[in-house]
Amino acid sequence: MATAKTKDEELALPSFWDQRYLNSDGEHPTHEWFKTFESLKPFFTKHLLAKKAPDTSPCILHLGCGDSTIPIDLLSLGYENQTCIDFSSVVIQLMSQRHADKPKLKWAVGDVQDMPQILTGAVDVAFDKGTLDAMISGSLWDPPDPVKTMIKRYIDEVVRVLKPGGLFLYITYRQPHFMKPFLTRERIWDLIVEDLEDEKGSFGYFGFIMTKAGDSP
């Protein structure tokens, strides 16, 4: 007999997010998870603008974009080649309508664990702010097998779509010692972690920077 899912488990289901976004007023983000664009500016300046400048037209993939303003904020900096993917058809419709005046932004319904619409080795920068975290339920000391399977599929897909020399930028509130086992891929990419200081000088969030092996084209 099926058991009721916990709130944490529901976060990994599109039905949960569909219902959440159905309550949107259609004009304003329901919630900017973890950190705003303004608070992430130093991180983006160091790891995006300095490495994949707008004038090189890098392909940026937003993994589980939700209704975040980050794609629009990056567009204002000159990043025009962006694809935003989410498994909630409701939020993709909402965002494509909300930003119909920005035709260069691409919105796509899809599961980040299986993205056939994204070609292998096509992405310069993959960005995650909350998507991986939404897959996690149960103990972080000993994650349930379904959680480990989901995350492995997801990271396998990120590895597949990234170009050699491509970046996977991930923002989380979870401690690095819990997240590194999920993200470490020896000989696939280099991984570094930074504490992200907020406007008040306090910490609490982390930025993971994974650089895929090989030279950029």
N, C-alpha and C. Protein backbone atom coordinates (compact mmCIF):
# COMPACT_ATOMS: atom_id res chain seq x y z
N MET A 1 0.84 -1.18 0.00
CA MET A 1 0.00 0.00 0.00
C MET A 1 0.88 1.24 0.00
N ALA A 2 0.57 2.21 -0.87
CA ALA A 2 1.38 3.42 -0.97
C ALA A 2 1.22 4.25 0.29
N THR A 3 2.30 4.83 0.74
CA THR A 3 2.26 5.69 1.91
C THR A 3 2.27 7.14 1.48
N ALA A 4 1.72 8.01 2.32
CA ALA A 4 1.70 9.44 2.00
C ALA A 4 3.12 9.97 1.97
N LYS A 5 3.38 10.84 1.02
CA LYS A 5 4.71 11.41 0.90
C LYS A 5 4.89 12.54 1.91
N THR A 6 6.10 12.67 2.42
CA THR A 6 6.40 13.77 3.31
C THR A 6 6.49 15.06 2.50
N LYS A 7 6.49 16.19 3.20
CA LYS A 7 6.59 17.49 2.53
C LYS A 7 7.89 17.57 1.72
N ASP A 8 8.99 17.07 2.29
CA ASP A 8 10.26 17.09 1.56
C ASP A 8 10.18 16.26 0.29
N GLU A 9 9.53 15.10 0.37
CA GLU A 9 9.41 14.25 -0.82
C GLU A 9 8.55 14.91 -1.89
N GLU A 10 7.53 15.67 -1.46
CA GLU A 10 6.66 16.34 -2.42
C GLU A 10 7.40 17.39 -3.24
N LEU A 11 8.48 17.93 -2.69
CA LEU A 11 9.25 18.95 -3.41
C LEU A 11 9.85 18.40 -4.69
N ALA A 12 9.98 17.10 -4.80
CA ALA A 12 10.56 16.48 -6.00
C ALA A 12 9.50 16.13 -7.03
N LEU A 13 8.25 16.56 -6.81
CA LEU A 13 7.16 16.22 -7.72
C LEU A 13 6.67 17.45 -8.47
N PRO A 14 6.44 17.34 -9.77
CA PRO A 14 5.93 18.50 -10.52
C PRO A 14 4.56 18.94 -10.03
N SER A 15 3.74 18.02 -9.54
CA SER A 15 2.39 18.38 -9.08
C SER A 15 2.44 19.39 -7.94
N PHE A 16 3.42 19.26 -7.05
CA PHE A 16 3.57 20.21 -5.95
C PHE A 16 3.81 21.61 -6.49
N TRP A 17 4.73 21.72 -7.44
CA TRP A 17 5.09 23.03 -7.98
C TRP A 17 4.01 23.58 -8.89
N ASP A 18 3.33 22.72 -9.64
CA ASP A 18 2.20 23.19 -10.45
C ASP A 18 1.18 23.90 -9.57
N GLN A 19 0.85 23.28 -8.44
CA GLN A 19 -0.14 23.88 -7.55
C GLN A 19 0.37 25.19 -6.98
N ARG A 20 1.63 25.22 -6.62
CA ARG A 20 2.21 26.45 -6.07
C ARG A 20 2.13 27.59 -7.08
N TYR A 21 2.52 27.31 -8.31
CA TYR A 21 2.56 28.37 -9.32
C TYR A 21 1.17 28.75 -9.83
N LEU A 22 0.19 27.87 -9.66
CA LEU A 22 -1.18 28.24 -10.01
C LEU A 22 -1.69 29.37 -9.12
N ASN A 23 -1.08 29.53 -7.95
CA ASN A 23 -1.47 30.59 -7.03
C ASN A 23 -0.76 31.91 -7.31
N SER A 24 0.10 31.93 -8.33
CA SER A 24 0.82 33.15 -8.66
C SER A 24 -0.13 34.19 -9.25
N ASP A 25 0.19 35.46 -9.04
CA ASP A 25 -0.62 36.51 -9.65
C ASP A 25 -0.28 36.72 -11.12
N GLY A 26 0.73 35.97 -11.60
CA GLY A 26 1.09 36.05 -13.01
C GLY A 26 2.09 37.13 -13.35
N GLU A 27 2.32 38.06 -12.43
CA GLU A 27 3.20 39.19 -12.72
C GLU A 27 4.46 39.22 -11.86
N HIS A 28 4.39 38.64 -10.67
CA HIS A 28 5.51 38.74 -9.75
C HIS A 28 5.97 37.35 -9.31
N PRO A 29 7.27 37.18 -9.09
CA PRO A 29 7.77 35.88 -8.62
C PRO A 29 7.11 35.47 -7.31
N THR A 30 6.81 34.18 -7.18
CA THR A 30 6.23 33.71 -5.93
C THR A 30 7.26 33.72 -4.81
N HIS A 31 8.51 33.42 -5.15
CA HIS A 31 9.57 33.41 -4.15
C HIS A 31 10.91 33.24 -4.87
N GLU A 32 11.91 34.01 -4.46
CA GLU A 32 13.26 33.86 -5.01
C GLU A 32 14.04 33.00 -4.03
N TRP A 33 14.26 31.74 -4.41
CA TRP A 33 14.86 30.79 -3.48
C TRP A 33 16.31 31.12 -3.17
N PHE A 34 16.62 31.00 -1.88
CA PHE A 34 18.00 31.06 -1.36
C PHE A 34 18.61 32.46 -1.42
N LYS A 35 18.95 32.94 -2.62
CA LYS A 35 19.59 34.25 -2.70
C LYS A 35 19.13 34.97 -3.96
N THR A 36 19.05 36.30 -3.84
CA THR A 36 18.63 37.12 -4.97
C THR A 36 19.80 37.36 -5.92
N PHE A 37 19.47 37.87 -7.09
CA PHE A 37 20.53 38.21 -8.05
C PHE A 37 21.49 39.23 -7.44
N GLU A 38 20.95 40.24 -6.76
CA GLU A 38 21.81 41.28 -6.18
C GLU A 38 22.81 40.67 -5.22
N SER A 39 22.36 39.75 -4.38
CA SER A 39 23.27 39.14 -3.40
C SER A 39 24.26 38.18 -4.05
N LEU A 40 23.92 37.70 -5.25
CA LEU A 40 24.82 36.78 -5.97
C LEU A 40 25.74 37.50 -6.96
N LYS A 41 25.62 38.80 -7.06
CA LYS A 41 26.44 39.53 -8.04
C LYS A 41 27.94 39.26 -7.90
N PRO A 42 28.50 39.27 -6.69
CA PRO A 42 29.94 38.98 -6.58
C PRO A 42 30.28 37.58 -7.10
N PHE A 43 29.41 36.61 -6.83
CA PHE A 43 29.63 35.24 -7.31
C PHE A 43 29.58 35.19 -8.83
N PHE A 44 28.57 35.82 -9.42
CA PHE A 44 28.46 35.83 -10.88
C PHE A 44 29.61 36.60 -11.53
N THR A 45 30.02 37.68 -10.91
CA THR A 45 31.12 38.47 -11.46
C THR A 45 32.39 37.62 -11.54
N LYS A 46 32.64 36.86 -10.49
CA LYS A 46 33.86 36.06 -10.42
C LYS A 46 33.81 34.82 -11.29
N HIS A 47 32.65 34.16 -11.33
CA HIS A 47 32.61 32.83 -11.96
C HIS A 47 31.83 32.78 -13.27
N LEU A 48 31.13 33.83 -13.61
CA LEU A 48 30.43 33.86 -14.89
C LEU A 48 31.01 34.94 -15.79
N LEU A 49 30.91 36.19 -15.38
CA LEU A 49 31.38 37.27 -16.24
C LEU A 49 32.86 37.17 -16.55
N ALA A 50 33.67 36.76 -15.56
CA ALA A 50 35.11 36.69 -15.77
C ALA A 50 35.53 35.49 -16.60
N LYS A 51 34.69 34.44 -16.65
CA LYS A 51 35.07 33.21 -17.34
C LYS A 51 34.30 32.97 -18.62
N LYS A 52 33.05 33.41 -18.65
CA LYS A 52 32.18 33.22 -19.82
C LYS A 52 31.48 34.54 -20.09
N ALA A 53 32.22 35.48 -20.64
CA ALA A 53 31.71 36.84 -20.82
C ALA A 53 30.55 36.87 -21.81
N PRO A 54 29.65 37.85 -21.68
CA PRO A 54 28.50 37.93 -22.58
C PRO A 54 28.87 38.00 -24.05
N ASP A 55 29.98 38.66 -24.37
CA ASP A 55 30.33 38.82 -25.79
C ASP A 55 30.81 37.53 -26.43
N THR A 56 30.99 36.47 -25.64
CA THR A 56 31.31 35.16 -26.21
C THR A 56 30.05 34.33 -26.46
N SER A 57 28.88 34.89 -26.11
CA SER A 57 27.57 34.26 -26.31
C SER A 57 27.51 32.83 -25.75
N PRO A 58 27.88 32.65 -24.48
CA PRO A 58 27.82 31.30 -23.91
C PRO A 58 26.39 30.80 -23.80
N CYS A 59 26.22 29.52 -23.96
CA CYS A 59 24.91 28.88 -23.77
C CYS A 59 24.73 28.60 -22.28
N ILE A 60 23.73 29.24 -21.68
CA ILE A 60 23.45 29.07 -20.25
C ILE A 60 22.17 28.26 -20.09
N LEU A 61 22.23 27.24 -19.26
CA LEU A 61 21.08 26.38 -18.98
C LEU A 61 20.67 26.54 -17.52
N HIS A 62 19.44 27.01 -17.30
CA HIS A 62 18.90 27.14 -15.94
C HIS A 62 18.14 25.86 -15.60
N LEU A 63 18.63 25.14 -14.61
CA LEU A 63 18.12 23.82 -14.26
C LEU A 63 17.06 23.95 -13.17
N GLY A 64 15.79 23.73 -13.53
CA GLY A 64 14.72 23.96 -12.57
C GLY A 64 14.57 25.44 -12.30
N CYS A 65 14.26 26.19 -13.35
CA CYS A 65 14.29 27.65 -13.28
C CYS A 65 13.21 28.25 -12.39
N GLY A 66 12.06 27.55 -12.25
CA GLY A 66 10.96 28.14 -11.49
C GLY A 66 10.60 29.50 -12.05
N ASP A 67 10.23 30.43 -11.16
CA ASP A 67 9.94 31.79 -11.63
C ASP A 67 10.99 32.77 -11.14
N SER A 68 12.22 32.29 -11.03
CA SER A 68 13.35 33.12 -10.62
C SER A 68 13.57 34.26 -11.61
N THR A 69 14.08 35.36 -11.10
CA THR A 69 14.44 36.50 -11.96
C THR A 69 15.84 36.37 -12.54
N ILE A 70 16.60 35.37 -12.13
CA ILE A 70 18.01 35.27 -12.54
C ILE A 70 18.17 35.31 -14.07
N PRO A 71 17.39 34.55 -14.86
CA PRO A 71 17.58 34.63 -16.32
C PRO A 71 17.37 36.04 -16.86
N ILE A 72 16.41 36.76 -16.32
CA ILE A 72 16.13 38.11 -16.78
C ILE A 72 17.26 39.04 -16.36
N ASP A 73 17.76 38.86 -15.16
CA ASP A 73 18.88 39.67 -14.68
C ASP A 73 20.13 39.44 -15.53
N LEU A 74 20.38 38.18 -15.89
CA LEU A 74 21.54 37.89 -16.74
C LEU A 74 21.34 38.43 -18.15
N LEU A 75 20.11 38.41 -18.63
CA LEU A 75 19.82 38.99 -19.94
C LEU A 75 20.17 40.47 -19.94
N SER A 76 19.91 41.15 -18.84
CA SER A 76 20.23 42.58 -18.76
C SER A 76 21.73 42.84 -18.82
N LEU A 77 22.53 41.81 -18.51
CA LEU A 77 23.99 41.93 -18.60
C LEU A 77 24.51 41.56 -19.98
N GLY A 78 23.62 41.12 -20.86
CA GLY A 78 24.03 40.78 -22.22
C GLY A 78 24.04 39.31 -22.54
N TYR A 79 23.61 38.46 -21.59
CA TYR A 79 23.58 37.01 -21.85
C TYR A 79 22.26 36.67 -22.56
N GLU A 80 22.35 36.51 -23.86
CA GLU A 80 21.15 36.32 -24.67
C GLU A 80 20.85 34.86 -25.00
N ASN A 81 21.83 33.99 -24.84
CA ASN A 81 21.66 32.58 -25.19
C ASN A 81 21.36 31.77 -23.93
N GLN A 82 20.10 31.82 -23.48
CA GLN A 82 19.71 31.15 -22.24
C GLN A 82 18.50 30.25 -22.48
N THR A 83 18.58 29.05 -21.91
CA THR A 83 17.45 28.13 -21.91
C THR A 83 17.06 27.85 -20.47
N CYS A 84 15.77 27.96 -20.19
CA CYS A 84 15.25 27.77 -18.84
C CYS A 84 14.34 26.56 -18.84
N ILE A 85 14.70 25.55 -18.08
CA ILE A 85 13.95 24.29 -18.09
C ILE A 85 13.37 24.02 -16.70
N ASP A 86 12.13 23.51 -16.67
CA ASP A 86 11.49 23.16 -15.41
C ASP A 86 10.45 22.08 -15.68
N PHE A 87 10.24 21.19 -14.70
CA PHE A 87 9.26 20.13 -14.93
C PHE A 87 7.83 20.57 -14.63
N SER A 88 7.65 21.80 -14.18
CA SER A 88 6.31 22.35 -13.98
C SER A 88 5.85 23.05 -15.25
N SER A 89 4.89 22.45 -15.93
CA SER A 89 4.37 23.08 -17.15
C SER A 89 3.68 24.40 -16.82
N VAL A 90 3.15 24.50 -15.59
CA VAL A 90 2.47 25.73 -15.18
C VAL A 90 3.44 26.90 -15.14
N VAL A 91 4.61 26.70 -14.52
CA VAL A 91 5.54 27.82 -14.41
C VAL A 91 6.18 28.16 -15.75
N ILE A 92 6.39 27.18 -16.61
CA ILE A 92 6.95 27.48 -17.92
C ILE A 92 5.97 28.31 -18.74
N GLN A 93 4.69 27.97 -18.68
CA GLN A 93 3.69 28.78 -19.38
C GLN A 93 3.63 30.18 -18.78
N LEU A 94 3.66 30.25 -17.45
CA LEU A 94 3.62 31.54 -16.76
C LEU A 94 4.79 32.42 -17.18
N MET A 95 5.99 31.85 -17.17
CA MET A 95 7.19 32.63 -17.47
C MET A 95 7.27 33.02 -18.95
N SER A 96 6.85 32.13 -19.83
CA SER A 96 6.89 32.46 -21.25
C SER A 96 5.90 33.58 -21.57
N GLN A 97 4.79 33.63 -20.83
CA GLN A 97 3.83 34.73 -21.02
C GLN A 97 4.32 36.01 -20.35
N ARG A 98 4.86 35.87 -19.14
CA ARG A 98 5.34 37.05 -18.41
C ARG A 98 6.46 37.75 -19.16
N HIS A 99 7.28 36.96 -19.86
CA HIS A 99 8.45 37.54 -20.55
C HIS A 99 8.35 37.35 -22.06
N ALA A 100 7.13 37.48 -22.55
CA ALA A 100 6.92 37.36 -24.00
C ALA A 100 7.65 38.44 -24.78
N ASP A 101 8.00 39.53 -24.10
CA ASP A 101 8.73 40.62 -24.76
C ASP A 101 10.23 40.36 -24.80
N LYS A 102 10.65 39.18 -24.35
CA LYS A 102 12.07 38.81 -24.36
C LYS A 102 12.23 37.51 -25.14
N PRO A 103 12.06 37.57 -26.46
CA PRO A 103 12.03 36.34 -27.27
C PRO A 103 13.33 35.56 -27.29
N LYS A 104 14.44 36.19 -26.88
CA LYS A 104 15.71 35.46 -26.90
C LYS A 104 15.81 34.45 -25.75
N LEU A 105 15.00 34.62 -24.71
CA LEU A 105 14.97 33.64 -23.63
C LEU A 105 14.11 32.46 -24.07
N LYS A 106 14.64 31.26 -23.87
CA LYS A 106 13.91 30.05 -24.26
C LYS A 106 13.40 29.34 -23.00
N TRP A 107 12.12 28.94 -23.03
CA TRP A 107 11.48 28.27 -21.91
C TRP A 107 11.05 26.88 -22.34
N ALA A 108 11.37 25.87 -21.55
CA ALA A 108 11.09 24.49 -21.95
C ALA A 108 10.63 23.66 -20.76
N VAL A 109 9.59 22.87 -20.98
CA VAL A 109 9.15 21.91 -19.97
C VAL A 109 10.05 20.68 -20.08
N GLY A 110 10.60 20.26 -18.96
CA GLY A 110 11.46 19.08 -18.99
C GLY A 110 11.95 18.71 -17.61
N ASP A 111 12.33 17.46 -17.46
CA ASP A 111 12.86 16.92 -16.22
C ASP A 111 14.37 16.96 -16.29
N VAL A 112 15.01 17.59 -15.32
CA VAL A 112 16.47 17.72 -15.36
C VAL A 112 17.18 16.38 -15.26
N GLN A 113 16.47 15.33 -14.89
CA GLN A 113 17.08 14.00 -14.87
C GLN A 113 17.16 13.37 -16.26
N ASP A 114 16.46 13.97 -17.21
CA ASP A 114 16.43 13.42 -18.58
C ASP A 114 16.05 14.56 -19.52
N MET A 115 17.05 15.12 -20.19
CA MET A 115 16.84 16.31 -21.02
C MET A 115 17.20 16.04 -22.48
N PRO A 116 16.41 15.24 -23.18
CA PRO A 116 16.75 14.94 -24.57
C PRO A 116 16.73 16.16 -25.47
N GLN A 117 16.02 17.21 -25.04
CA GLN A 117 15.97 18.42 -25.87
C GLN A 117 17.27 19.23 -25.81
N ILE A 118 18.16 18.88 -24.88
CA ILE A 118 19.46 19.56 -24.76
C ILE A 118 20.53 18.64 -25.34
N LEU A 119 21.22 19.11 -26.36
CA LEU A 119 22.22 18.29 -27.03
C LEU A 119 23.43 18.03 -26.14
N THR A 120 24.05 16.90 -26.35
CA THR A 120 25.27 16.55 -25.62
C THR A 120 26.37 17.57 -25.94
N GLY A 121 27.01 18.07 -24.89
CA GLY A 121 28.11 19.00 -25.06
C GLY A 121 27.72 20.34 -25.64
N ALA A 122 26.48 20.77 -25.37
CA ALA A 122 25.99 22.02 -25.95
C ALA A 122 26.01 23.20 -24.99
N VAL A 123 26.25 22.96 -23.71
CA VAL A 123 26.04 23.98 -22.68
C VAL A 123 27.38 24.47 -22.13
N ASP A 124 27.51 25.79 -22.07
CA ASP A 124 28.71 26.39 -21.48
C ASP A 124 28.59 26.54 -19.97
N VAL A 125 27.39 26.90 -19.51
CA VAL A 125 27.17 27.13 -18.08
C VAL A 125 25.82 26.54 -17.68
N ALA A 126 25.83 25.65 -16.70
CA ALA A 126 24.60 25.13 -16.11
C ALA A 126 24.46 25.74 -14.72
N PHE A 127 23.25 26.19 -14.39
CA PHE A 127 23.04 26.90 -13.12
C PHE A 127 21.89 26.27 -12.35
N ASP A 128 22.14 26.03 -11.06
CA ASP A 128 21.15 25.41 -10.16
C ASP A 128 21.10 26.21 -8.87
N LYS A 129 19.91 26.69 -8.54
CA LYS A 129 19.70 27.37 -7.26
C LYS A 129 18.43 26.81 -6.63
N GLY A 130 18.58 25.66 -5.97
CA GLY A 130 17.46 25.05 -5.27
C GLY A 130 16.93 23.76 -5.87
N THR A 131 17.28 23.46 -7.11
CA THR A 131 16.72 22.27 -7.75
C THR A 131 17.26 20.98 -7.13
N LEU A 132 18.57 20.88 -7.02
CA LEU A 132 19.15 19.69 -6.38
C LEU A 132 18.64 19.55 -4.95
N ASP A 133 18.54 20.65 -4.24
CA ASP A 133 18.07 20.60 -2.86
C ASP A 133 16.65 20.05 -2.77
N ALA A 134 15.82 20.36 -3.76
CA ALA A 134 14.43 19.88 -3.75
C ALA A 134 14.33 18.38 -3.94
N MET A 135 15.39 17.75 -4.43
CA MET A 135 15.38 16.30 -4.61
C MET A 135 15.69 15.55 -3.32
N ILE A 136 16.18 16.26 -2.33
CA ILE A 136 16.69 15.62 -1.12
C ILE A 136 15.61 15.50 -0.06
N SER A 137 15.42 14.29 0.42
CA SER A 137 14.54 14.02 1.56
C SER A 137 15.18 12.92 2.39
N GLY A 138 14.73 12.81 3.63
CA GLY A 138 15.33 11.80 4.49
C GLY A 138 16.67 12.28 5.06
N SER A 139 17.42 11.36 5.58
CA SER A 139 18.68 11.69 6.25
C SER A 139 19.77 12.02 5.24
N LEU A 140 20.48 13.12 5.50
CA LEU A 140 21.64 13.44 4.67
C LEU A 140 22.84 12.58 5.05
N TRP A 141 22.84 12.04 6.25
CA TRP A 141 23.92 11.14 6.65
C TRP A 141 23.84 9.82 5.90
N ASP A 142 22.62 9.39 5.62
CA ASP A 142 22.41 8.12 4.91
C ASP A 142 21.19 8.29 3.99
N PRO A 143 21.37 8.95 2.85
CA PRO A 143 20.23 9.26 1.98
C PRO A 143 19.55 7.99 1.48
N PRO A 144 18.22 8.02 1.37
CA PRO A 144 17.49 6.87 0.83
C PRO A 144 17.94 6.58 -0.60
N ASP A 145 17.87 5.32 -0.99
CA ASP A 145 18.29 4.93 -2.34
C ASP A 145 17.58 5.71 -3.45
N PRO A 146 16.26 5.95 -3.35
CA PRO A 146 15.60 6.72 -4.42
C PRO A 146 16.17 8.13 -4.57
N VAL A 147 16.56 8.73 -3.46
CA VAL A 147 17.17 10.06 -3.52
C VAL A 147 18.52 9.99 -4.23
N LYS A 148 19.33 9.02 -3.85
CA LYS A 148 20.64 8.87 -4.49
C LYS A 148 20.50 8.59 -5.98
N THR A 149 19.48 7.82 -6.35
CA THR A 149 19.26 7.52 -7.77
C THR A 149 18.86 8.76 -8.54
N MET A 150 17.93 9.55 -7.97
CA MET A 150 17.51 10.79 -8.62
C MET A 150 18.68 11.73 -8.85
N ILE A 151 19.47 11.91 -7.81
CA ILE A 151 20.58 12.86 -7.90
C ILE A 151 21.63 12.37 -8.88
N LYS A 152 21.91 11.07 -8.89
CA LYS A 152 22.88 10.54 -9.85
C LYS A 152 22.41 10.79 -11.28
N ARG A 153 21.14 10.54 -11.55
CA ARG A 153 20.61 10.78 -12.90
C ARG A 153 20.76 12.25 -13.28
N TYR A 154 20.46 13.10 -12.33
CA TYR A 154 20.56 14.54 -12.57
C TYR A 154 21.99 14.95 -12.89
N ILE A 155 22.91 14.56 -12.04
CA ILE A 155 24.30 14.97 -12.25
C ILE A 155 24.86 14.33 -13.53
N ASP A 156 24.46 13.11 -13.83
CA ASP A 156 24.86 12.49 -15.10
C ASP A 156 24.42 13.35 -16.28
N GLU A 157 23.21 13.89 -16.21
CA GLU A 157 22.71 14.74 -17.29
C GLU A 157 23.49 16.05 -17.38
N VAL A 158 23.81 16.63 -16.24
CA VAL A 158 24.61 17.86 -16.26
C VAL A 158 25.96 17.60 -16.91
N VAL A 159 26.59 16.50 -16.53
CA VAL A 159 27.87 16.13 -17.15
C VAL A 159 27.71 15.97 -18.65
N ARG A 160 26.64 15.32 -19.07
CA ARG A 160 26.42 15.06 -20.50
C ARG A 160 26.28 16.35 -21.30
N VAL A 161 25.49 17.29 -20.80
CA VAL A 161 25.19 18.47 -21.62
C VAL A 161 26.30 19.52 -21.59
N LEU A 162 27.17 19.48 -20.59
CA LEU A 162 28.24 20.47 -20.50
C LEU A 162 29.31 20.25 -21.55
N LYS A 163 29.79 21.35 -22.11
CA LYS A 163 30.95 21.29 -22.99
C LYS A 163 32.21 21.04 -22.16
N PRO A 164 33.28 20.54 -22.77
CA PRO A 164 34.57 20.55 -22.08
C PRO A 164 34.91 21.99 -21.68
N GLY A 165 35.35 22.16 -20.46
CA GLY A 165 35.61 23.51 -19.97
C GLY A 165 34.38 24.24 -19.48
N GLY A 166 33.21 23.58 -19.57
CA GLY A 166 31.97 24.19 -19.13
C GLY A 166 31.87 24.25 -17.61
N LEU A 167 30.99 25.10 -17.13
CA LEU A 167 30.82 25.33 -15.70
C LEU A 167 29.46 24.84 -15.21
N PHE A 168 29.46 24.23 -14.04
CA PHE A 168 28.23 23.93 -13.33
C PHE A 168 28.27 24.75 -12.05
N LEU A 169 27.40 25.74 -11.94
CA LEU A 169 27.33 26.63 -10.79
C LEU A 169 26.10 26.26 -9.96
N TYR A 170 26.33 25.98 -8.69
CA TYR A 170 25.26 25.47 -7.83
C TYR A 170 25.26 26.25 -6.51
N ILE A 171 24.08 26.76 -6.14
CA ILE A 171 23.91 27.52 -4.90
C ILE A 171 23.07 26.69 -3.94
N THR A 172 23.53 26.60 -2.69
CA THR A 172 22.81 25.80 -1.69
C THR A 172 23.03 26.36 -0.29
N TYR A 173 22.13 26.00 0.61
CA TYR A 173 22.32 26.30 2.03
C TYR A 173 22.87 25.09 2.78
N ARG A 174 22.96 23.97 2.10
CA ARG A 174 23.38 22.73 2.77
C ARG A 174 24.91 22.69 2.91
N GLN A 175 25.35 22.10 4.00
CA GLN A 175 26.78 22.06 4.30
C GLN A 175 27.55 21.27 3.24
N PRO A 176 28.73 21.76 2.86
CA PRO A 176 29.51 21.08 1.82
C PRO A 176 29.82 19.62 2.11
N HIS A 177 30.01 19.27 3.39
CA HIS A 177 30.36 17.86 3.66
C HIS A 177 29.21 16.92 3.33
N PHE A 178 27.98 17.45 3.29
CA PHE A 178 26.85 16.63 2.86
C PHE A 178 26.74 16.57 1.34
N MET A 179 27.05 17.68 0.67
CA MET A 179 26.79 17.78 -0.76
C MET A 179 27.93 17.28 -1.64
N LYS A 180 29.14 17.35 -1.14
CA LYS A 180 30.28 16.92 -1.97
C LYS A 180 30.17 15.47 -2.45
N PRO A 181 29.71 14.53 -1.62
CA PRO A 181 29.58 13.16 -2.13
C PRO A 181 28.65 13.04 -3.33
N PHE A 182 27.60 13.88 -3.39
CA PHE A 182 26.70 13.87 -4.53
C PHE A 182 27.35 14.45 -5.79
N LEU A 183 28.24 15.42 -5.58
CA LEU A 183 28.73 16.23 -6.70
C LEU A 183 30.12 15.86 -7.18
N THR A 184 30.88 15.15 -6.38
CA THR A 184 32.24 14.81 -6.77
C THR A 184 32.24 13.82 -7.94
N ARG A 185 32.95 14.18 -8.98
CA ARG A 185 33.14 13.30 -10.15
C ARG A 185 34.62 13.37 -10.55
N GLU A 186 35.39 12.46 -10.01
CA GLU A 186 36.83 12.47 -10.28
C GLU A 186 37.09 12.28 -11.77
N ARG A 187 38.02 13.05 -12.27
CA ARG A 187 38.45 13.04 -13.67
C ARG A 187 37.38 13.58 -14.62
N ILE A 188 36.23 13.96 -14.07
CA ILE A 188 35.18 14.56 -14.90
C ILE A 188 35.20 16.08 -14.76
N TRP A 189 35.27 16.54 -13.51
CA TRP A 189 35.36 17.98 -13.29
C TRP A 189 36.07 18.28 -11.99
N ASP A 190 36.60 19.51 -11.94
CA ASP A 190 37.17 20.03 -10.71
C ASP A 190 36.05 20.69 -9.91
N LEU A 191 36.12 20.57 -8.59
CA LEU A 191 35.08 21.11 -7.73
C LEU A 191 35.70 21.99 -6.67
N ILE A 192 35.20 23.20 -6.56
CA ILE A 192 35.58 24.08 -5.45
C ILE A 192 34.31 24.62 -4.81
N VAL A 193 34.42 25.02 -3.55
CA VAL A 193 33.27 25.54 -2.80
C VAL A 193 33.67 26.88 -2.19
N GLU A 194 32.73 27.82 -2.22
CA GLU A 194 32.96 29.11 -1.60
C GLU A 194 31.82 29.42 -0.63
N ASP A 195 32.17 30.02 0.51
CA ASP A 195 31.15 30.59 1.38
C ASP A 195 30.63 31.86 0.72
N LEU A 196 29.32 32.03 0.73
CA LEU A 196 28.71 33.21 0.12
C LEU A 196 28.27 34.17 1.21
N GLU A 197 28.98 35.27 1.29
CA GLU A 197 28.68 36.29 2.30
C GLU A 197 27.50 37.14 1.82
N ASP A 198 26.58 37.46 2.73
CA ASP A 198 25.46 38.31 2.33
C ASP A 198 25.75 39.78 2.62
N GLU A 199 24.74 40.63 2.38
CA GLU A 199 24.93 42.06 2.51
C GLU A 199 25.28 42.47 3.94
N LYS A 200 24.89 41.67 4.91
CA LYS A 200 25.16 41.99 6.30
C LYS A 200 26.46 41.38 6.79
N GLY A 201 27.18 40.73 5.89
CA GLY A 201 28.46 40.14 6.26
C GLY A 201 28.36 38.78 6.89
N SER A 202 27.16 38.18 6.88
CA SER A 202 27.00 36.85 7.46
C SER A 202 26.99 35.79 6.37
N PHE A 203 27.26 34.55 6.78
CA PHE A 203 27.31 33.44 5.84
C PHE A 203 26.10 32.54 6.04
N GLY A 204 26.02 31.47 5.33
CA GLY A 204 24.90 30.56 5.46
C GLY A 204 24.57 29.86 4.16
N TYR A 205 25.16 30.36 3.07
CA TYR A 205 24.97 29.74 1.77
C TYR A 205 26.33 29.43 1.16
N PHE A 206 26.31 28.50 0.21
CA PHE A 206 27.56 28.05 -0.40
C PHE A 206 27.40 28.04 -1.92
N GLY A 207 28.48 28.39 -2.58
CA GLY A 207 28.52 28.30 -4.03
C GLY A 207 29.49 27.21 -4.45
N PHE A 208 28.99 26.23 -5.18
CA PHE A 208 29.83 25.16 -5.74
C PHE A 208 30.14 25.52 -7.18
N ILE A 209 31.39 25.38 -7.55
CA ILE A 209 31.82 25.65 -8.92
C ILE A 209 32.49 24.40 -9.45
N MET A 210 31.84 23.76 -10.41
CA MET A 210 32.40 22.58 -11.05
C MET A 210 32.83 22.96 -12.47
N THR A 211 34.07 22.69 -12.82
CA THR A 211 34.60 22.99 -14.15
C THR A 211 34.92 21.68 -14.84
N LYS A 212 34.22 21.41 -15.93
CA LYS A 212 34.39 20.14 -16.62
C LYS A 212 35.77 20.06 -17.27
N ALA A 213 36.37 18.90 -17.21
CA ALA A 213 37.71 18.70 -17.77
C ALA A 213 37.69 18.94 -19.27
N GLY A 214 38.84 19.35 -19.78
CA GLY A 214 38.98 19.61 -21.21
C GLY A 214 39.02 21.10 -21.49
N ASP A 215 39.46 21.44 -22.66
CA ASP A 215 39.57 22.84 -23.05
C ASP A 215 38.28 23.32 -23.68
N SER A 216 37.92 24.56 -23.38
CA SER A 216 36.75 25.15 -24.01
C SER A 216 36.98 25.27 -25.51
N PRO A 217 35.92 25.06 -26.31
CA PRO A 217 36.07 25.19 -27.77
C PRO A 217 36.51 26.59 -28.15
